[in-house]
Amino acid sequence: MGNPFGNLGGIGNLGNMMKQVKKITEDIQKANEELNEARVEATSGGGMVRAVATGNGEILEVKIDPKVVDPDDVEMLEDLVTSAVREAIARANQMRAERMQQATGGLSLPGLF
C-alpha cells in the first residue's frame, strides 16, 4: 500500500514558502520605514516654488520665493505650486515603486503597496 498521508514533501516546501513570505513582509516593512525617512524634492518656475515629500508621497513643505508672488497673477502662483507638488508626488511614487520592486524581488503583489 502507498503512504496514507500522501506526499509529505509538500510540507517542507510550504515551510520554505512561509519563510520567503515572512522575509518579503519584513523587507516591505523596512522599505516603508525607509520611504518615510526619504525625501524627494521638485521645483517649478525655475526653482521659485519648491515642494518636498517623503518617499511615501506625503508633502512635508512647500516653499515659495517672494519674487514669484504677484497679487495680480495669483493663478500663475497656483499653477506653479500645483506643478511642484505633482512632480514631488510623482518622484515619491517612482521611488516607492523601485523600492518595493527590490523588497519583493520583482513579485507583483497587488494591494500590498
Protein backbone atom coordinates (compact mmCIF):
# COMPACT_ATOMS: atom_id res chain seq x y z
CA MET A 1 0.00 0.00 0.00
CA GLY A 2 1.03 3.54 -0.59
CA ASN A 3 1.65 6.19 2.00
CA PRO A 4 -1.74 7.04 3.60
CA PHE A 5 -0.50 10.58 4.33
CA GLY A 6 0.23 11.40 0.73
CA ASN A 7 3.32 13.33 -0.27
CA LEU A 8 4.68 14.87 2.93
CA GLY A 9 7.48 16.50 0.94
CA GLY A 10 4.99 19.28 0.19
CA ILE A 11 5.03 20.29 3.84
CA GLY A 12 8.72 21.14 3.60
CA ASN A 13 8.01 23.25 0.53
CA LEU A 14 5.23 25.01 2.42
CA GLY A 15 7.67 25.76 5.25
CA ASN A 16 10.15 27.27 2.79
CA MET A 17 7.40 29.30 1.16
CA MET A 18 6.28 30.64 4.54
CA LYS A 19 9.88 31.68 5.31
CA GLN A 20 10.03 33.51 1.98
CA VAL A 21 6.70 35.25 2.65
CA LYS A 22 7.93 36.31 6.09
CA LYS A 23 11.15 37.71 4.61
CA ILE A 24 9.26 39.61 1.92
CA THR A 25 6.88 41.01 4.56
CA GLU A 26 9.84 42.15 6.67
CA ASP A 27 11.53 43.67 3.61
CA ILE A 28 8.34 45.56 2.71
CA GLN A 29 8.04 46.89 6.26
CA LYS A 30 11.69 48.01 6.21
CA ALA A 31 11.20 49.63 2.81
CA ASN A 32 8.17 51.56 4.08
CA GLU A 33 10.16 52.80 7.07
CA GLU A 34 12.98 53.91 4.76
CA LEU A 35 10.49 55.63 2.44
CA ASN A 36 9.02 57.54 5.38
CA GLU A 37 12.51 58.89 6.10
CA ALA A 38 13.47 59.51 2.46
CA ARG A 39 12.91 62.93 0.93
CA VAL A 40 12.20 63.92 -2.66
CA GLU A 41 12.12 67.47 -3.94
CA ALA A 42 10.65 69.10 -7.00
CA THR A 43 10.64 72.67 -8.21
CA SER A 44 8.77 74.77 -10.72
CA GLY A 45 9.13 78.26 -12.08
CA GLY A 46 12.88 77.90 -12.36
CA GLY A 47 13.16 76.98 -8.69
CA MET A 48 10.82 79.70 -7.47
CA VAL A 49 8.47 77.11 -5.95
CA ARG A 50 9.78 74.01 -4.20
CA ALA A 51 7.86 71.04 -2.81
CA VAL A 52 9.35 68.37 -0.53
CA ALA A 53 7.72 64.99 0.08
CA THR A 54 8.54 61.73 1.82
CA GLY A 55 9.25 58.67 -0.26
CA ASN A 56 5.67 57.64 0.51
CA GLY A 57 4.28 60.81 -1.10
CA GLU A 58 3.42 62.85 1.98
CA ILE A 59 4.01 66.53 1.24
CA LEU A 60 6.17 67.96 4.00
CA GLU A 61 6.68 71.51 2.84
CA VAL A 62 6.14 73.98 0.06
CA LYS A 63 8.48 76.95 -0.25
CA ILE A 64 7.66 79.98 -2.40
CA ASP A 65 10.18 82.63 -3.34
CA PRO A 66 8.60 86.02 -2.56
CA LYS A 67 9.63 87.26 -6.02
CA VAL A 68 7.04 85.00 -7.64
CA VAL A 69 4.17 86.34 -5.51
CA ASP A 70 2.15 88.73 -7.66
CA PRO A 71 -1.25 89.72 -6.27
CA ASP A 72 -2.37 90.46 -9.82
CA ASP A 73 -1.50 86.95 -11.04
CA VAL A 74 -2.47 84.50 -8.30
CA GLU A 75 -3.36 81.93 -10.94
CA MET A 76 0.27 81.65 -12.05
CA LEU A 77 1.38 81.01 -8.46
CA GLU A 78 -1.32 78.38 -8.04
CA ASP A 79 -0.13 76.66 -11.21
CA LEU A 80 3.49 76.70 -10.02
CA VAL A 81 2.56 75.23 -6.64
CA THR A 82 0.40 72.56 -8.25
CA SER A 83 3.17 71.66 -10.66
CA ALA A 84 5.83 71.34 -7.95
CA VAL A 85 3.56 69.27 -5.70
CA ARG A 86 2.55 66.93 -8.53
CA GLU A 87 6.17 66.40 -9.51
CA ALA A 88 7.21 65.71 -5.90
CA ILE A 89 4.44 63.11 -5.58
CA ALA A 90 5.39 61.54 -8.92
CA ARG A 91 9.02 61.27 -7.79
CA ALA A 92 7.92 59.76 -4.48
CA ASN A 93 5.73 57.23 -6.32
CA GLN A 94 8.64 56.27 -8.57
CA MET A 95 10.96 55.90 -5.56
CA ARG A 96 8.35 53.78 -3.78
CA ALA A 97 7.77 51.54 -6.81
CA GLU A 98 11.51 50.95 -7.21
CA ARG A 99 12.00 50.22 -3.51
CA MET A 100 9.04 47.84 -3.38
CA GLN A 101 10.30 46.09 -6.50
CA GLN A 102 13.56 45.46 -4.63
CA ALA A 103 11.77 44.38 -1.44
CA THR A 104 9.56 41.85 -3.22
CA GLY A 105 12.23 40.54 -5.53
CA GLY A 106 10.16 41.63 -8.52
CA LEU A 107 6.98 39.82 -7.47
CA SER A 108 3.76 41.59 -8.31
CA LEU A 109 1.73 41.72 -5.10
CA PRO A 110 -1.34 43.86 -5.81
CA GLY A 111 -2.87 45.55 -2.82
CA LEU A 112 0.19 45.30 -0.59
CA PHE A 113 1.52 48.74 -1.52
